[in-house]
């Protein structure tokens, strides 16, 4: 018999807790690393207003398409 199948919910949480903590830590570290790299790239780029305008335009397009009820096709 598999020992995990015969355990209670609390025991399952205790078993999975180290994996969850490590996984969340890795995801957080990657997001921090990518965020810092993106911020450095934006600082070095010569046209920050163009980047801001593009970001605002992208958000506006997403909001308008959502408001209109457009959905992406699913495979």
N, C-alpha and C. Protein backbone atom coordinates (compact mmCIF):
# COMPACT_ATOMS: atom_id res chain seq x y z
N UNK A 1 0.84 -1.18 0.00
CA UNK A 1 0.00 0.00 0.00
C UNK A 1 0.89 1.25 0.00
N UNK A 2 0.47 2.22 -0.76
CA UNK A 2 1.20 3.48 -0.83
C UNK A 2 0.98 4.26 0.47
N UNK A 3 2.04 4.69 1.16
CA UNK A 3 1.85 5.37 2.43
C UNK A 3 1.20 6.74 2.30
N UNK A 4 1.31 7.38 1.14
CA UNK A 4 0.70 8.70 0.98
C UNK A 4 -0.82 8.58 0.86
N UNK A 5 -1.32 7.50 0.30
CA UNK A 5 -2.76 7.34 0.12
C UNK A 5 -3.49 7.13 1.44
N UNK A 6 -2.83 6.56 2.43
CA UNK A 6 -3.49 6.28 3.69
C UNK A 6 -3.29 7.36 4.74
N UNK A 7 -2.88 8.54 4.34
CA UNK A 7 -2.62 9.61 5.30
C UNK A 7 -3.73 10.64 5.29
N UNK A 8 -3.78 11.45 6.35
CA UNK A 8 -4.79 12.50 6.43
C UNK A 8 -4.35 13.71 5.62
N UNK A 9 -5.24 14.66 5.50
CA UNK A 9 -4.95 15.87 4.73
C UNK A 9 -3.81 16.66 5.36
N UNK A 10 -3.79 16.75 6.67
CA UNK A 10 -2.73 17.49 7.35
C UNK A 10 -1.37 16.85 7.10
N UNK A 11 -1.31 15.54 7.12
CA UNK A 11 -0.05 14.85 6.85
C UNK A 11 0.40 15.06 5.40
N UNK A 12 -0.55 15.11 4.48
CA UNK A 12 -0.20 15.38 3.08
C UNK A 12 0.37 16.79 2.93
N UNK A 13 -0.22 17.75 3.64
CA UNK A 13 0.28 19.12 3.58
C UNK A 13 1.69 19.18 4.14
N UNK A 14 1.95 18.49 5.25
CA UNK A 14 3.28 18.48 5.85
C UNK A 14 4.29 17.83 4.91
N UNK A 15 3.87 16.81 4.19
CA UNK A 15 4.76 16.15 3.24
C UNK A 15 5.09 17.08 2.07
N UNK A 16 4.10 17.81 1.56
CA UNK A 16 4.30 18.66 0.39
C UNK A 16 4.85 20.04 0.72
N UNK A 17 4.84 20.45 1.98
CA UNK A 17 5.24 21.80 2.36
C UNK A 17 6.66 22.17 1.92
N UNK A 18 7.67 21.33 2.11
CA UNK A 18 9.01 21.73 1.64
C UNK A 18 9.07 21.96 0.12
N UNK A 19 8.39 21.14 -0.64
CA UNK A 19 8.38 21.31 -2.09
C UNK A 19 7.68 22.61 -2.49
N UNK A 20 6.60 22.93 -1.80
CA UNK A 20 5.87 24.16 -2.09
C UNK A 20 6.73 25.38 -1.76
N UNK A 21 7.39 25.35 -0.60
CA UNK A 21 8.24 26.48 -0.19
C UNK A 21 9.39 26.67 -1.17
N UNK A 22 10.04 25.60 -1.56
CA UNK A 22 11.15 25.70 -2.51
C UNK A 22 10.65 26.19 -3.87
N UNK A 23 9.52 25.67 -4.32
CA UNK A 23 8.96 26.09 -5.61
C UNK A 23 8.59 27.57 -5.63
N UNK A 24 7.95 28.04 -4.56
CA UNK A 24 7.59 29.46 -4.48
C UNK A 24 8.84 30.32 -4.43
N UNK A 25 9.86 29.86 -3.72
CA UNK A 25 11.12 30.60 -3.65
C UNK A 25 11.80 30.71 -5.01
N UNK A 26 11.81 29.62 -5.75
CA UNK A 26 12.43 29.64 -7.09
C UNK A 26 11.67 30.57 -8.02
N UNK A 27 10.34 30.49 -8.01
CA UNK A 27 9.54 31.37 -8.87
C UNK A 27 9.75 32.82 -8.48
N UNK A 28 9.78 33.12 -7.19
CA UNK A 28 10.02 34.49 -6.74
C UNK A 28 11.39 35.00 -7.16
N UNK A 29 12.41 34.16 -7.04
CA UNK A 29 13.76 34.57 -7.43
C UNK A 29 13.84 34.85 -8.93
N UNK A 30 13.20 34.03 -9.73
CA UNK A 30 13.21 34.24 -11.18
C UNK A 30 12.47 35.53 -11.54
N UNK A 31 11.34 35.79 -10.88
CA UNK A 31 10.60 37.03 -11.15
C UNK A 31 11.41 38.26 -10.76
N UNK A 32 12.11 38.20 -9.63
CA UNK A 32 12.96 39.32 -9.22
C UNK A 32 14.08 39.52 -10.23
N UNK A 33 14.72 38.44 -10.65
CA UNK A 33 15.81 38.54 -11.62
C UNK A 33 15.33 39.13 -12.94
N UNK A 34 14.20 38.65 -13.45
CA UNK A 34 13.68 39.17 -14.71
C UNK A 34 13.22 40.62 -14.57
N UNK A 35 12.64 40.96 -13.43
CA UNK A 35 12.21 42.34 -13.20
C UNK A 35 13.38 43.31 -13.17
N UNK A 36 14.46 42.91 -12.50
CA UNK A 36 15.64 43.77 -12.45
C UNK A 36 16.28 43.91 -13.84
N UNK A 37 16.32 42.83 -14.60
CA UNK A 37 16.87 42.90 -15.96
C UNK A 37 16.01 43.80 -16.84
N UNK A 38 14.69 43.70 -16.70
CA UNK A 38 13.79 44.55 -17.49
C UNK A 38 13.97 46.01 -17.10
N UNK A 39 14.06 46.30 -15.80
CA UNK A 39 14.26 47.68 -15.34
C UNK A 39 15.58 48.24 -15.86
N UNK A 40 16.63 47.43 -15.86
CA UNK A 40 17.92 47.88 -16.38
C UNK A 40 17.84 48.15 -17.88
N UNK A 41 17.14 47.32 -18.60
CA UNK A 41 16.99 47.52 -20.05
C UNK A 41 16.21 48.80 -20.35
N UNK A 42 15.18 49.07 -19.55
CA UNK A 42 14.38 50.28 -19.76
C UNK A 42 15.22 51.52 -19.47
N UNK A 43 16.04 51.47 -18.43
CA UNK A 43 16.89 52.61 -18.09
C UNK A 43 17.91 52.89 -19.20
N UNK A 44 18.44 51.84 -19.82
CA UNK A 44 19.45 52.02 -20.86
C UNK A 44 18.85 52.39 -22.22
N UNK A 45 17.56 52.14 -22.40
CA UNK A 45 16.93 52.41 -23.68
C UNK A 45 16.73 53.91 -23.82
N UNK A 46 16.89 54.45 -24.99
CA UNK A 46 16.84 55.89 -25.19
C UNK A 46 15.46 56.50 -25.31
N UNK A 47 14.41 55.71 -25.39
CA UNK A 47 13.06 56.24 -25.61
C UNK A 47 12.07 55.73 -24.57
N UNK A 48 12.16 56.19 -23.33
CA UNK A 48 11.24 55.68 -22.31
C UNK A 48 9.79 56.10 -22.54
N UNK A 49 9.57 57.25 -23.19
CA UNK A 49 8.19 57.68 -23.46
C UNK A 49 7.52 56.74 -24.47
N UNK A 50 8.29 56.28 -25.44
CA UNK A 50 7.75 55.34 -26.43
C UNK A 50 7.35 54.03 -25.76
N UNK A 51 8.17 53.57 -24.84
CA UNK A 51 7.85 52.35 -24.10
C UNK A 51 6.59 52.53 -23.26
N UNK A 52 6.47 53.67 -22.58
CA UNK A 52 5.28 53.94 -21.77
C UNK A 52 4.04 54.04 -22.65
N UNK A 53 4.16 54.68 -23.78
CA UNK A 53 3.02 54.80 -24.71
C UNK A 53 2.60 53.43 -25.23
N UNK A 54 3.57 52.58 -25.54
CA UNK A 54 3.26 51.23 -26.00
C UNK A 54 2.56 50.41 -24.92
N UNK A 55 3.01 50.54 -23.67
CA UNK A 55 2.38 49.81 -22.57
C UNK A 55 0.95 50.29 -22.35
N UNK A 56 0.73 51.59 -22.38
CA UNK A 56 -0.62 52.14 -22.21
C UNK A 56 -1.51 51.70 -23.36
N UNK A 57 -0.99 51.71 -24.57
CA UNK A 57 -1.77 51.27 -25.73
C UNK A 57 -2.15 49.81 -25.62
N UNK A 58 -1.21 48.98 -25.18
CA UNK A 58 -1.50 47.55 -25.03
C UNK A 58 -2.59 47.31 -23.99
N UNK A 59 -2.49 47.99 -22.86
CA UNK A 59 -3.52 47.85 -21.82
C UNK A 59 -4.87 48.33 -22.34
N UNK A 60 -4.88 49.44 -23.06
CA UNK A 60 -6.13 49.97 -23.60
C UNK A 60 -6.76 48.99 -24.60
N UNK A 61 -5.96 48.39 -25.45
CA UNK A 61 -6.48 47.43 -26.43
C UNK A 61 -7.07 46.22 -25.72
N UNK A 62 -6.38 45.72 -24.69
CA UNK A 62 -6.88 44.56 -23.95
C UNK A 62 -8.20 44.91 -23.26
N UNK A 63 -8.29 46.10 -22.65
CA UNK A 63 -9.52 46.51 -21.97
C UNK A 63 -10.67 46.64 -22.96
N UNK A 64 -10.43 47.27 -24.10
CA UNK A 64 -11.49 47.45 -25.09
C UNK A 64 -11.95 46.11 -25.66
N UNK A 65 -11.01 45.23 -25.97
CA UNK A 65 -11.41 43.93 -26.51
C UNK A 65 -12.16 43.10 -25.48
N UNK A 66 -11.77 43.20 -24.22
CA UNK A 66 -12.49 42.50 -23.16
C UNK A 66 -13.89 43.07 -23.01
N UNK A 67 -14.01 44.38 -23.05
CA UNK A 67 -15.31 45.04 -22.92
C UNK A 67 -16.23 44.67 -24.08
N UNK A 68 -15.65 44.49 -25.27
CA UNK A 68 -16.44 44.10 -26.44
C UNK A 68 -16.79 42.61 -26.44
N UNK A 69 -16.16 41.85 -25.57
CA UNK A 69 -16.47 40.43 -25.48
C UNK A 69 -15.69 39.56 -26.44
N UNK A 70 -14.61 40.05 -26.97
CA UNK A 70 -13.79 39.27 -27.89
C UNK A 70 -13.00 38.25 -27.09
N UNK A 71 -13.02 37.01 -27.55
CA UNK A 71 -12.25 35.97 -26.87
C UNK A 71 -11.34 35.29 -27.89
N UNK A 72 -10.21 34.82 -27.41
CA UNK A 72 -9.26 34.15 -28.28
C UNK A 72 -9.78 32.75 -28.64
N UNK A 73 -9.51 32.29 -29.85
CA UNK A 73 -9.95 30.93 -30.21
C UNK A 73 -9.18 29.89 -29.41
N UNK A 74 -9.87 28.83 -29.02
CA UNK A 74 -9.25 27.75 -28.26
C UNK A 74 -9.11 26.53 -29.15
N UNK A 75 -8.01 25.87 -28.98
CA UNK A 75 -7.77 24.67 -29.79
C UNK A 75 -8.32 23.44 -29.12
